[in-house]
Amino acid sequence: MKEPLDPEMFDPACPSSAMPIRIGDKWTAMVVVCLEEGPRRFSELRVPMRGVTPKVLTQTLRALERDGMVTRTVYPEIPPRVEYELTELGRSLFGPIAACRAWAAAHLEDLMRAREEYDEITAESPGGAQLA
């Protein structure tokens, strides 16, 4: 029999709760990859990340800046020029991101097949899938 889950395993006072879970969010890894070759302007980041809204990209960049992964430099020009650049801490994400990309490449077919099967099953059942 399995041991019950510890109710304190995600205790807010635990240092692990400060982990930047956002590195797994939809846009953070893309920002990190876009900044791999050096500083970029906001408008440059939006080109390959065409699905992100300006608001969400701003939130993502601010969160990365707050966590010390990105620096924001404002140049005193008219109009002001702002560039974002990875810090050493931000550059340390290349390894984990590469591992995630390799996993995704190795398992993409399985993942897509599982989604297809799930969608077929839920489409056939009345009311769709029900979570417990």
C-alpha atoms as a PDB file:
ATOM      1  CA  MET A   1       0.000   0.000   0.000  1.00  0.00           C
ATOM      2  CA  LYS A   2       1.251   3.465  -0.874  1.00  0.00           C
ATOM      3  CA  GLU A   3       2.079   5.964   1.808  1.00  0.00           C
ATOM      4  CA  PRO A   4      -0.310   8.933   1.902  1.00  0.00           C
ATOM      5  CA  LEU A   5       0.990  12.154   0.414  1.00  0.00           C
ATOM      6  CA  ASP A   6       2.553  14.523   2.922  1.00  0.00           C
ATOM      7  CA  PRO A   7       0.189  17.497   3.349  1.00  0.00           C
ATOM      8  CA  GLU A   8       3.256  19.734   3.877  1.00  0.00           C
ATOM      9  CA  MET A   9       5.054  18.673   0.687  1.00  0.00           C
ATOM     10  CA  PHE A  10       4.274  22.034  -0.944  1.00  0.00           C
ATOM     11  CA  ASP A  11       4.497  24.125   2.209  1.00  0.00           C
ATOM     12  CA  PRO A  12       4.675  27.827   1.246  1.00  0.00           C
ATOM     13  CA  ALA A  13       7.457  28.317   3.817  1.00  0.00           C
ATOM     14  CA  CYS A  14       9.663  25.769   2.043  1.00  0.00           C
ATOM     15  CA  PRO A  15      12.447  27.261  -0.121  1.00  0.00           C
ATOM     16  CA  SER A  16      11.372  25.017  -3.010  1.00  0.00           C
ATOM     17  CA  SER A  17       8.208  27.121  -3.329  1.00  0.00           C
ATOM     18  CA  ALA A  18      10.435  29.954  -4.566  1.00  0.00           C
ATOM     19  CA  MET A  19      11.586  27.851  -7.525  1.00  0.00           C
ATOM     20  CA  PRO A  20      10.927  29.555 -10.835  1.00  0.00           C
ATOM     21  CA  ILE A  21       8.246  27.134 -11.957  1.00  0.00           C
ATOM     22  CA  ARG A  22       7.586  29.619 -14.733  1.00  0.00           C
ATOM     23  CA  ILE A  23      10.503  28.152 -16.717  1.00  0.00           C
ATOM     24  CA  GLY A  24       8.049  25.520 -17.842  1.00  0.00           C
ATOM     25  CA  ASP A  25       5.421  27.992 -18.962  1.00  0.00           C
ATOM     26  CA  LYS A  26       4.551  28.477 -22.588  1.00  0.00           C
ATOM     27  CA  TRP A  27       6.677  31.559 -23.301  1.00  0.00           C
ATOM     28  CA  THR A  28       9.676  31.584 -20.937  1.00  0.00           C
ATOM     29  CA  ALA A  29      11.719  28.922 -22.713  1.00  0.00           C
ATOM     30  CA  MET A  30      11.036  30.663 -26.027  1.00  0.00           C
ATOM     31  CA  VAL A  31      12.319  33.979 -24.631  1.00  0.00           C
ATOM     32  CA  VAL A  32      15.448  32.258 -23.322  1.00  0.00           C
ATOM     33  CA  VAL A  33      16.094  30.634 -26.711  1.00  0.00           C
ATOM     34  CA  CYS A  34      15.531  33.964 -28.501  1.00  0.00           C
ATOM     35  CA  LEU A  35      18.091  35.652 -26.239  1.00  0.00           C
ATOM     36  CA  GLU A  36      20.720  32.928 -26.672  1.00  0.00           C
ATOM     37  CA  GLU A  37      22.769  34.924 -29.203  1.00  0.00           C
ATOM     38  CA  GLY A  38      22.707  38.168 -27.223  1.00  0.00           C
ATOM     39  CA  PRO A  39      20.541  41.169 -26.372  1.00  0.00           C
ATOM     40  CA  ARG A  40      17.276  41.729 -28.234  1.00  0.00           C
ATOM     41  CA  ARG A  41      14.630  44.401 -28.361  1.00  0.00           C
ATOM     42  CA  PHE A  42      11.010  43.701 -27.463  1.00  0.00           C
ATOM     43  CA  SER A  43       9.938  44.000 -31.110  1.00  0.00           C
ATOM     44  CA  GLU A  44      12.621  41.487 -32.156  1.00  0.00           C
ATOM     45  CA  LEU A  45      11.330  38.949 -29.631  1.00  0.00           C
ATOM     46  CA  ARG A  46       7.792  39.272 -30.956  1.00  0.00           C
ATOM     47  CA  VAL A  47       8.764  38.187 -34.491  1.00  0.00           C
ATOM     48  CA  PRO A  48       9.351  34.460 -33.827  1.00  0.00           C
ATOM     49  CA  MET A  49       6.927  34.531 -30.890  1.00  0.00           C
ATOM     50  CA  ARG A  50       4.081  35.814 -33.053  1.00  0.00           C
ATOM     51  CA  GLY A  51       1.424  34.096 -30.925  1.00  0.00           C
ATOM     52  CA  VAL A  52       2.263  36.019 -27.747  1.00  0.00           C
ATOM     53  CA  THR A  53       0.411  39.211 -26.895  1.00  0.00           C
ATOM     54  CA  PRO A  54       2.477  42.262 -25.918  1.00  0.00           C
ATOM     55  CA  LYS A  55       0.978  42.075 -22.423  1.00  0.00           C
ATOM     56  CA  VAL A  56       1.986  38.445 -21.889  1.00  0.00           C
ATOM     57  CA  LEU A  57       5.471  39.001 -23.308  1.00  0.00           C
ATOM     58  CA  THR A  58       5.910  41.983 -20.975  1.00  0.00           C
ATOM     59  CA  GLN A  59       4.771  39.881 -17.998  1.00  0.00           C
ATOM     60  CA  THR A  60       7.151  37.078 -18.983  1.00  0.00           C
ATOM     61  CA  LEU A  61      10.107  39.445 -19.342  1.00  0.00           C
ATOM     62  CA  ARG A  62       9.338  41.149 -16.017  1.00  0.00           C
ATOM     63  CA  ALA A  63       9.111  37.787 -14.260  1.00  0.00           C
ATOM     64  CA  LEU A  64      12.449  36.704 -15.752  1.00  0.00           C
ATOM     65  CA  GLU A  65      13.991  40.031 -14.745  1.00  0.00           C
ATOM     66  CA  ARG A  66      12.628  39.678 -11.202  1.00  0.00           C
ATOM     67  CA  ASP A  67      14.142  36.190 -10.941  1.00  0.00           C
ATOM     68  CA  GLY A  68      17.533  37.494 -12.097  1.00  0.00           C
ATOM     69  CA  MET A  69      17.494  35.620 -15.399  1.00  0.00           C
ATOM     70  CA  VAL A  70      17.189  38.650 -17.685  1.00  0.00           C
ATOM     71  CA  THR A  71      18.484  42.201 -17.508  1.00  0.00           C
ATOM     72  CA  ARG A  72      16.628  45.134 -19.044  1.00  0.00           C
ATOM     73  CA  THR A  73      18.731  48.018 -20.329  1.00  0.00           C
ATOM     74  CA  VAL A  74      17.161  51.343 -21.286  1.00  0.00           C
ATOM     75  CA  TYR A  75      19.314  53.539 -23.536  1.00  0.00           C
ATOM     76  CA  PRO A  76      18.857  57.314 -23.270  1.00  0.00           C
ATOM     77  CA  GLU A  77      17.815  57.877 -26.861  1.00  0.00           C
ATOM     78  CA  ILE A  78      14.785  59.416 -28.507  1.00  0.00           C
ATOM     79  CA  PRO A  79      12.747  57.266 -28.798  1.00  0.00           C
ATOM     80  CA  PRO A  80      14.105  55.179 -25.903  1.00  0.00           C
ATOM     81  CA  ARG A  81      15.710  51.900 -26.883  1.00  0.00           C
ATOM     82  CA  VAL A  82      15.263  48.949 -24.514  1.00  0.00           C
ATOM     83  CA  GLU A  83      17.131  45.661 -24.763  1.00  0.00           C
ATOM     84  CA  TYR A  84      16.765  42.406 -22.874  1.00  0.00           C
ATOM     85  CA  GLU A  85      19.708  40.110 -22.217  1.00  0.00           C
ATOM     86  CA  LEU A  86      20.204  36.850 -20.371  1.00  0.00           C
ATOM     87  CA  THR A  87      22.241  36.869 -17.191  1.00  0.00           C
ATOM     88  CA  GLU A  88      24.558  33.989 -16.311  1.00  0.00           C
ATOM     89  CA  LEU A  89      21.685  32.573 -14.267  1.00  0.00           C
ATOM     90  CA  GLY A  90      19.403  32.799 -17.301  1.00  0.00           C
ATOM     91  CA  ARG A  91      22.023  31.170 -19.517  1.00  0.00           C
ATOM     92  CA  SER A  92      22.135  28.247 -17.087  1.00  0.00           C
ATOM     93  CA  LEU A  93      18.651  27.317 -18.399  1.00  0.00           C
ATOM     94  CA  PHE A  94      20.079  26.198 -21.768  1.00  0.00           C
ATOM     95  CA  GLY A  95      20.800  22.680 -20.455  1.00  0.00           C
ATOM     96  CA  PRO A  96      17.334  22.017 -19.019  1.00  0.00           C
ATOM     97  CA  ILE A  97      15.664  23.552 -22.079  1.00  0.00           C
ATOM     98  CA  ALA A  98      17.783  21.387 -24.401  1.00  0.00           C
ATOM     99  CA  ALA A  99      16.769  18.311 -22.381  1.00  0.00           C
ATOM    100  CA  CYS A 100      13.078  19.244 -22.669  1.00  0.00           C
ATOM    101  CA  ARG A 101      13.417  19.822 -26.410  1.00  0.00           C
ATOM    102  CA  ALA A 102      15.159  16.455 -26.861  1.00  0.00           C
ATOM    103  CA  TRP A 103      12.435  14.714 -24.828  1.00  0.00           C
ATOM    104  CA  ALA A 104       9.736  16.405 -26.907  1.00  0.00           C
ATOM    105  CA  ALA A 105      11.414  15.394 -30.163  1.00  0.00           C
ATOM    106  CA  ALA A 106      11.761  11.793 -29.012  1.00  0.00           C
ATOM    107  CA  HIS A 107       8.170  11.534 -27.777  1.00  0.00           C
ATOM    108  CA  LEU A 108       6.192  13.850 -30.042  1.00  0.00           C
ATOM    109  CA  GLU A 109       4.509  11.026 -31.972  1.00  0.00           C
ATOM    110  CA  ASP A 110       3.466   9.281 -28.738  1.00  0.00           C
ATOM    111  CA  LEU A 111       2.180  12.530 -27.296  1.00  0.00           C
ATOM    112  CA  MET A 112       0.150  13.386 -30.396  1.00  0.00           C
ATOM    113  CA  ARG A 113      -1.270   9.853 -30.556  1.00  0.00           C
ATOM    114  CA  ALA A 114      -2.288  10.009 -26.876  1.00  0.00           C
ATOM    115  CA  ARG A 115      -4.015  13.356 -27.423  1.00  0.00           C
ATOM    116  CA  GLU A 116      -5.831  12.022 -30.468  1.00  0.00           C
ATOM    117  CA  GLU A 117      -7.026   8.932 -28.576  1.00  0.00           C
ATOM    118  CA  TYR A 118      -8.117  11.031 -25.614  1.00  0.00           C
ATOM    119  CA  ASP A 119     -10.026  13.457 -27.849  1.00  0.00           C
ATOM    120  CA  GLU A 120     -11.751  10.556 -29.629  1.00  0.00           C
ATOM    121  CA  ILE A 121     -12.802   8.963 -26.337  1.00  0.00           C
ATOM    122  CA  THR A 122     -14.040  12.215 -24.821  1.00  0.00           C
ATOM    123  CA  ALA A 123     -15.929  13.147 -28.002  1.00  0.00           C
ATOM    124  CA  GLU A 124     -17.781   9.808 -27.892  1.00  0.00           C
ATOM    125  CA  SER A 125     -18.771   9.951 -24.228  1.00  0.00           C
ATOM    126  CA  PRO A 126     -21.833  11.986 -23.270  1.00  0.00           C
ATOM    127  CA  GLY A 127     -20.816  15.217 -21.606  1.00  0.00           C
ATOM    128  CA  GLY A 128     -17.144  14.652 -22.461  1.00  0.00           C
ATOM    129  CA  ALA A 129     -14.532  13.486 -19.988  1.00  0.00           C
ATOM    130  CA  GLN A 130     -15.274  14.024 -16.343  1.00  0.00           C
ATOM    131  CA  LEU A 131     -12.470  14.577 -13.878  1.00  0.00           C
ATOM    132  CA  ALA A 132     -12.781  13.122 -10.386  1.00  0.00           C
END
